């Protein structure tokens, strides 16, 4: 029995789909507005569309090649480390400000 590539959801798969839908809808709305700045921003937003598409392709390749559980652990590690560093950096900035 062959499994579908869409049947094994992972973290990056879900995030990529949300980003693709969100970017497409917001860009189409902005392109159809009357102001030139909004139209230009809509077209610029579409330039970000290849990033989630490439992430989706790489994620589907890894989900088919390796176990989904392993892929999810690696993706949580990839997302967790920058979030942890951002939180630590934010605490450092917050506690280093001088109180007047």
C-alpha atoms as a PDB file:
ATOM      1  CA  UNK A   1       0.000   0.000   0.000  1.00  0.00           C
ATOM      2  CA  UNK A   2       1.502   3.304  -1.099  1.00  0.00           C
ATOM      3  CA  UNK A   3       1.129   6.251   1.260  1.00  0.00           C
ATOM      4  CA  UNK A   4       0.445   9.740   0.036  1.00  0.00           C
ATOM      5  CA  UNK A   5       3.123  12.377   0.596  1.00  0.00           C
ATOM      6  CA  UNK A   6       0.420  14.593   2.085  1.00  0.00           C
ATOM      7  CA  UNK A   7      -0.595  12.021   4.689  1.00  0.00           C
ATOM      8  CA  UNK A   8       2.366  12.560   7.029  1.00  0.00           C
ATOM      9  CA  UNK A   9       2.099  16.065   8.508  1.00  0.00           C
ATOM     10  CA  UNK A  10       5.195  17.592  10.064  1.00  0.00           C
ATOM     11  CA  UNK A  11       5.842  20.953  11.686  1.00  0.00           C
ATOM     12  CA  UNK A  12       7.441  22.595   8.642  1.00  0.00           C
ATOM     13  CA  UNK A  13       4.753  21.105   6.365  1.00  0.00           C
ATOM     14  CA  UNK A  14       1.982  22.789   8.338  1.00  0.00           C
ATOM     15  CA  UNK A  15       3.889  26.073   8.703  1.00  0.00           C
ATOM     16  CA  UNK A  16       4.745  26.111   4.985  1.00  0.00           C
ATOM     17  CA  UNK A  17       1.126  25.583   3.976  1.00  0.00           C
ATOM     18  CA  UNK A  18      -0.019  28.358   6.327  1.00  0.00           C
ATOM     19  CA  UNK A  19       2.642  30.698   4.911  1.00  0.00           C
ATOM     20  CA  UNK A  20       1.753  29.905   1.292  1.00  0.00           C
ATOM     21  CA  UNK A  21      -1.960  30.531   1.864  1.00  0.00           C
ATOM     22  CA  UNK A  22      -1.336  33.642   3.982  1.00  0.00           C
ATOM     23  CA  UNK A  23       1.139  35.202   1.562  1.00  0.00           C
ATOM     24  CA  UNK A  24      -1.051  34.492  -1.442  1.00  0.00           C
ATOM     25  CA  UNK A  25      -4.216  35.922   0.088  1.00  0.00           C
ATOM     26  CA  UNK A  26      -2.578  39.014   1.584  1.00  0.00           C
ATOM     27  CA  UNK A  27      -0.650  39.719  -1.620  1.00  0.00           C
ATOM     28  CA  UNK A  28      -3.754  39.415  -3.810  1.00  0.00           C
ATOM     29  CA  UNK A  29      -5.683  41.742  -1.513  1.00  0.00           C
ATOM     30  CA  UNK A  30      -2.866  44.304  -1.528  1.00  0.00           C
ATOM     31  CA  UNK A  31      -2.395  44.123  -5.298  1.00  0.00           C
ATOM     32  CA  UNK A  32      -6.078  44.937  -5.833  1.00  0.00           C
ATOM     33  CA  UNK A  33      -6.018  48.073  -3.664  1.00  0.00           C
ATOM     34  CA  UNK A  34      -6.030  51.542  -5.189  1.00  0.00           C
ATOM     35  CA  UNK A  35      -2.895  52.953  -3.582  1.00  0.00           C
ATOM     36  CA  UNK A  36       0.345  52.422  -5.465  1.00  0.00           C
ATOM     37  CA  UNK A  37       2.334  51.723  -2.284  1.00  0.00           C
ATOM     38  CA  UNK A  38      -0.021  48.894  -1.336  1.00  0.00           C
ATOM     39  CA  UNK A  39       0.124  47.417  -4.822  1.00  0.00           C
ATOM     40  CA  UNK A  40       3.904  47.470  -4.791  1.00  0.00           C
ATOM     41  CA  UNK A  41       3.978  45.864  -1.342  1.00  0.00           C
ATOM     42  CA  UNK A  42       1.670  43.115  -2.620  1.00  0.00           C
ATOM     43  CA  UNK A  43       4.072  42.310  -5.451  1.00  0.00           C
ATOM     44  CA  UNK A  44       7.048  42.431  -3.073  1.00  0.00           C
ATOM     45  CA  UNK A  45       5.236  40.018  -0.726  1.00  0.00           C
ATOM     46  CA  UNK A  46       4.968  37.552  -3.596  1.00  0.00           C
ATOM     47  CA  UNK A  47       8.771  37.488  -3.789  1.00  0.00           C
ATOM     48  CA  UNK A  48       8.756  35.633  -0.436  1.00  0.00           C
ATOM     49  CA  UNK A  49       6.618  32.819  -1.861  1.00  0.00           C
ATOM     50  CA  UNK A  50       9.515  30.587  -3.076  1.00  0.00           C
ATOM     51  CA  UNK A  51      10.878  30.250   0.487  1.00  0.00           C
ATOM     52  CA  UNK A  52       7.939  28.252   1.935  1.00  0.00           C
ATOM     53  CA  UNK A  53       7.626  26.295  -1.320  1.00  0.00           C
ATOM     54  CA  UNK A  54      11.274  25.182  -1.153  1.00  0.00           C
ATOM     55  CA  UNK A  55      10.856  24.406   2.557  1.00  0.00           C
ATOM     56  CA  UNK A  56       7.776  22.331   1.738  1.00  0.00           C
ATOM     57  CA  UNK A  57       9.619  20.367  -0.958  1.00  0.00           C
ATOM     58  CA  UNK A  58      12.606  19.667   1.320  1.00  0.00           C
ATOM     59  CA  UNK A  59      10.287  18.676   4.172  1.00  0.00           C
ATOM     60  CA  UNK A  60       8.317  16.256   2.012  1.00  0.00           C
ATOM     61  CA  UNK A  61      11.557  14.704   0.752  1.00  0.00           C
ATOM     62  CA  UNK A  62      12.818  14.234   4.320  1.00  0.00           C
ATOM     63  CA  UNK A  63       9.454  12.896   5.524  1.00  0.00           C
ATOM     64  CA  UNK A  64       9.505  10.244   2.788  1.00  0.00           C
ATOM     65  CA  UNK A  65      13.175   9.362   3.294  1.00  0.00           C
ATOM     66  CA  UNK A  66      13.230   9.266   7.109  1.00  0.00           C
ATOM     67  CA  UNK A  67      10.674   8.560   9.818  1.00  0.00           C
ATOM     68  CA  UNK A  68       8.220  11.373  10.497  1.00  0.00           C
ATOM     69  CA  UNK A  69       9.008  11.251  14.219  1.00  0.00           C
ATOM     70  CA  UNK A  70      12.686  11.872  13.517  1.00  0.00           C
ATOM     71  CA  UNK A  71      11.919  14.707  11.118  1.00  0.00           C
ATOM     72  CA  UNK A  72       9.678  16.350  13.726  1.00  0.00           C
ATOM     73  CA  UNK A  73      12.442  16.141  16.351  1.00  0.00           C
ATOM     74  CA  UNK A  74      14.942  17.758  13.983  1.00  0.00           C
ATOM     75  CA  UNK A  75      12.450  20.481  13.018  1.00  0.00           C
ATOM     76  CA  UNK A  76      11.706  21.257  16.666  1.00  0.00           C
ATOM     77  CA  UNK A  77      15.443  21.522  17.278  1.00  0.00           C
ATOM     78  CA  UNK A  78      15.847  23.825  14.244  1.00  0.00           C
ATOM     79  CA  UNK A  79      13.045  26.104  15.487  1.00  0.00           C
ATOM     80  CA  UNK A  80      13.858  25.807  19.196  1.00  0.00           C
ATOM     81  CA  UNK A  81      17.475  26.959  19.132  1.00  0.00           C
ATOM     82  CA  UNK A  82      16.814  30.357  17.443  1.00  0.00           C
ATOM     83  CA  UNK A  83      13.785  30.952  19.667  1.00  0.00           C
ATOM     84  CA  UNK A  84      15.849  30.167  22.763  1.00  0.00           C
ATOM     85  CA  UNK A  85      18.661  32.459  21.609  1.00  0.00           C
ATOM     86  CA  UNK A  86      16.151  35.216  20.848  1.00  0.00           C
ATOM     87  CA  UNK A  87      14.607  34.861  24.314  1.00  0.00           C
ATOM     88  CA  UNK A  88      18.016  34.969  26.006  1.00  0.00           C
ATOM     89  CA  UNK A  89      19.059  37.990  23.933  1.00  0.00           C
ATOM     90  CA  UNK A  90      15.773  39.738  24.794  1.00  0.00           C
ATOM     91  CA  UNK A  91      16.342  39.104  28.502  1.00  0.00           C
ATOM     92  CA  UNK A  92      19.887  40.440  28.190  1.00  0.00           C
ATOM     93  CA  UNK A  93      18.651  43.665  26.560  1.00  0.00           C
ATOM     94  CA  UNK A  94      15.833  44.024  29.103  1.00  0.00           C
ATOM     95  CA  UNK A  95      18.061  43.622  32.147  1.00  0.00           C
ATOM     96  CA  UNK A  96      20.933  45.727  30.791  1.00  0.00           C
ATOM     97  CA  UNK A  97      18.895  48.932  30.342  1.00  0.00           C
ATOM     98  CA  UNK A  98      19.684  51.642  32.820  1.00  0.00           C
ATOM     99  CA  UNK A  99      16.807  52.711  35.024  1.00  0.00           C
ATOM    100  CA  UNK A 100      16.658  56.480  35.305  1.00  0.00           C
END
